[in-house]
C-alpha atoms as a PDB file:
ATOM      1  CA  GLU A   1     -24.736 123.576  22.867  1.00  0.00           C
ATOM      2  CA  LYS A   2     -26.214 127.005  22.122  1.00  0.00           C
ATOM      3  CA  THR A   3     -28.369 125.657  19.293  1.00  0.00           C
ATOM      4  CA  GLY A   4     -29.563 122.564  21.145  1.00  0.00           C
ATOM      5  CA  MET A   5     -28.130 120.154  18.566  1.00  0.00           C
ATOM      6  CA  PRO A   6     -27.598 116.624  19.875  1.00  0.00           C
ATOM      7  CA  LYS A   7     -24.013 115.644  20.695  1.00  0.00           C
ATOM      8  CA  GLY A   8     -22.204 114.272  17.663  1.00  0.00           C
ATOM      9  CA  VAL A   9     -24.067 116.321  15.067  1.00  0.00           C
ATOM     10  CA  PHE A  10     -21.079 118.631  14.639  1.00  0.00           C
ATOM     11  CA  ASN A  11     -17.514 117.479  15.108  1.00  0.00           C
ATOM     12  CA  MET A  12     -14.360 119.238  14.027  1.00  0.00           C
ATOM     13  CA  ILE A  13     -10.862 117.839  14.148  1.00  0.00           C
ATOM     14  CA  TYR A  14      -8.116 120.222  13.135  1.00  0.00           C
ATOM     15  CA  GLY A  15      -4.476 119.568  12.396  1.00  0.00           C
ATOM     16  CA  GLY A  16      -2.105 117.899   9.999  1.00  0.00           C
ATOM     17  CA  GLY A  17      -2.004 114.117   9.993  1.00  0.00           C
ATOM     18  CA  VAL A  18      -4.990 113.429  12.250  1.00  0.00           C
ATOM     19  CA  GLY A  19      -7.268 112.551   9.347  1.00  0.00           C
ATOM     20  CA  GLU A  20      -5.205 109.562   8.253  1.00  0.00           C
ATOM     21  CA  ALA A  21      -5.695 107.633  11.500  1.00  0.00           C
ATOM     22  CA  LEU A  22      -9.422 108.329  11.451  1.00  0.00           C
ATOM     23  CA  VAL A  23      -9.986 107.418   7.794  1.00  0.00           C
ATOM     24  CA  LYS A  24      -8.063 104.172   8.233  1.00  0.00           C
ATOM     25  CA  HIS A  25      -9.834 103.138  11.464  1.00  0.00           C
ATOM     26  CA  PRO A  26     -12.287 100.259  10.864  1.00  0.00           C
ATOM     27  CA  ALA A  27     -14.996 101.848  13.040  1.00  0.00           C
ATOM     28  CA  ILE A  28     -15.212 104.870  10.731  1.00  0.00           C
ATOM     29  CA  GLN A  29     -17.813 104.298   8.018  1.00  0.00           C
ATOM     30  CA  ALA A  30     -17.835 107.687   6.241  1.00  0.00           C
ATOM     31  CA  VAL A  31     -15.822 110.912   6.231  1.00  0.00           C
ATOM     32  CA  GLY A  32     -16.782 114.545   5.809  1.00  0.00           C
ATOM     33  CA  PHE A  33     -14.004 116.953   4.898  1.00  0.00           C
ATOM     34  CA  THR A  34     -13.685 120.669   4.216  1.00  0.00           C
ATOM     35  CA  GLY A  35     -10.287 121.949   3.217  1.00  0.00           C
ATOM     36  CA  SER A  36      -7.624 121.837   0.563  1.00  0.00           C
ATOM     37  CA  LEU A  37      -7.758 119.837  -2.632  1.00  0.00           C
ATOM     38  CA  ARG A  38      -4.489 118.137  -1.664  1.00  0.00           C
ATOM     39  CA  GLY A  39      -5.759 117.090   1.777  1.00  0.00           C
ATOM     40  CA  GLY A  40      -9.128 115.961   0.466  1.00  0.00           C
ATOM     41  CA  ARG A  41      -7.554 113.954  -2.354  1.00  0.00           C
ATOM     42  CA  ALA A  42      -5.281 112.189   0.158  1.00  0.00           C
ATOM     43  CA  LEU A  43      -8.263 111.272   2.358  1.00  0.00           C
ATOM     44  CA  CYS A  44     -10.262 110.047  -0.669  1.00  0.00           C
ATOM     45  CA  ASP A  45      -7.361 107.833  -1.730  1.00  0.00           C
ATOM     46  CA  MET A  46      -7.010 106.384   1.788  1.00  0.00           C
ATOM     47  CA  ALA A  47     -10.747 105.748   2.040  1.00  0.00           C
ATOM     48  CA  ALA A  48     -10.787 103.979  -1.335  1.00  0.00           C
ATOM     49  CA  ALA A  49      -7.781 101.809  -0.407  1.00  0.00           C
ATOM     50  CA  ARG A  50      -9.430 100.353   2.721  1.00  0.00           C
ATOM     51  CA  PRO A  51     -10.453  96.669   2.680  1.00  0.00           C
ATOM     52  CA  GLN A  52     -14.021  98.012   2.900  1.00  0.00           C
ATOM     53  CA  PRO A  53     -13.938 101.386   1.070  1.00  0.00           C
ATOM     54  CA  ILE A  54     -15.947 104.207   2.632  1.00  0.00           C
ATOM     55  CA  PRO A  55     -17.492 107.366   1.151  1.00  0.00           C
ATOM     56  CA  VAL A  56     -15.834 110.749   1.551  1.00  0.00           C
ATOM     57  CA  PHE A  57     -18.077 113.798   1.415  1.00  0.00           C
ATOM     58  CA  ALA A  58     -15.665 116.596   0.574  1.00  0.00           C
ATOM     59  CA  GLU A  59     -15.850 120.315  -0.046  1.00  0.00           C
ATOM     60  CA  MET A  60     -12.393 121.206  -1.297  1.00  0.00           C
ATOM     61  CA  SER A  61     -10.789 124.527  -2.208  1.00  0.00           C
ATOM     62  CA  SER A  62     -14.031 126.486  -2.252  1.00  0.00           C
ATOM     63  CA  ILE A  63     -14.041 130.208  -1.669  1.00  0.00           C
ATOM     64  CA  ASN A  64     -17.536 130.374  -0.200  1.00  0.00           C
ATOM     65  CA  PRO A  65     -18.846 127.024   1.054  1.00  0.00           C
ATOM     66  CA  MET A  66     -22.495 126.862   2.099  1.00  0.00           C
ATOM     67  CA  LEU A  67     -24.331 124.273   4.176  1.00  0.00           C
ATOM     68  CA  LEU A  68     -28.101 124.015   3.957  1.00  0.00           C
ATOM     69  CA  LEU A  69     -29.927 122.059   6.628  1.00  0.00           C
ATOM     70  CA  PRO A  70     -33.186 120.273   5.757  1.00  0.00           C
ATOM     71  CA  GLU A  71     -35.399 122.623   7.795  1.00  0.00           C
ATOM     72  CA  ALA A  72     -33.888 125.711   6.123  1.00  0.00           C
ATOM     73  CA  ILE A  73     -34.581 124.213   2.697  1.00  0.00           C
ATOM     74  CA  LYS A  74     -38.129 123.351   3.733  1.00  0.00           C
ATOM     75  CA  VAL A  75     -38.904 126.791   5.160  1.00  0.00           C
ATOM     76  CA  ARG A  76     -36.841 129.080   2.892  1.00  0.00           C
ATOM     77  CA  GLY A  77     -35.782 126.894  -0.030  1.00  0.00           C
ATOM     78  CA  GLU A  78     -37.207 129.051  -2.817  1.00  0.00           C
ATOM     79  CA  LYS A  79     -35.790 132.251  -1.323  1.00  0.00           C
ATOM     80  CA  ILE A  80     -32.351 130.671  -0.875  1.00  0.00           C
ATOM     81  CA  ALA A  81     -32.366 129.367  -4.467  1.00  0.00           C
ATOM     82  CA  ALA A  82     -33.374 132.789  -5.808  1.00  0.00           C
ATOM     83  CA  GLU A  83     -30.526 134.482  -3.933  1.00  0.00           C
ATOM     84  CA  LEU A  84     -27.974 132.032  -5.350  1.00  0.00           C
ATOM     85  CA  THR A  85     -28.892 132.608  -8.978  1.00  0.00           C
END
């Protein structure tokens, strides 16, 4: 709300076991996951086993994950790249 992002741009569901019901639900067409390798691997396996497999975009077991939004890349892309090298 503070950033003015439209509803649904950011969603977070936390807790053991909740991901399985979501990944297996036919209305879900893709999954984003940040967390453990074990949890991410389980979600990937479930997504692949669906009658219509879906993609899983996962960041697993990272120490320092980073998200770059399109506008940040457009405005500061070269500076960001230089700082990461």
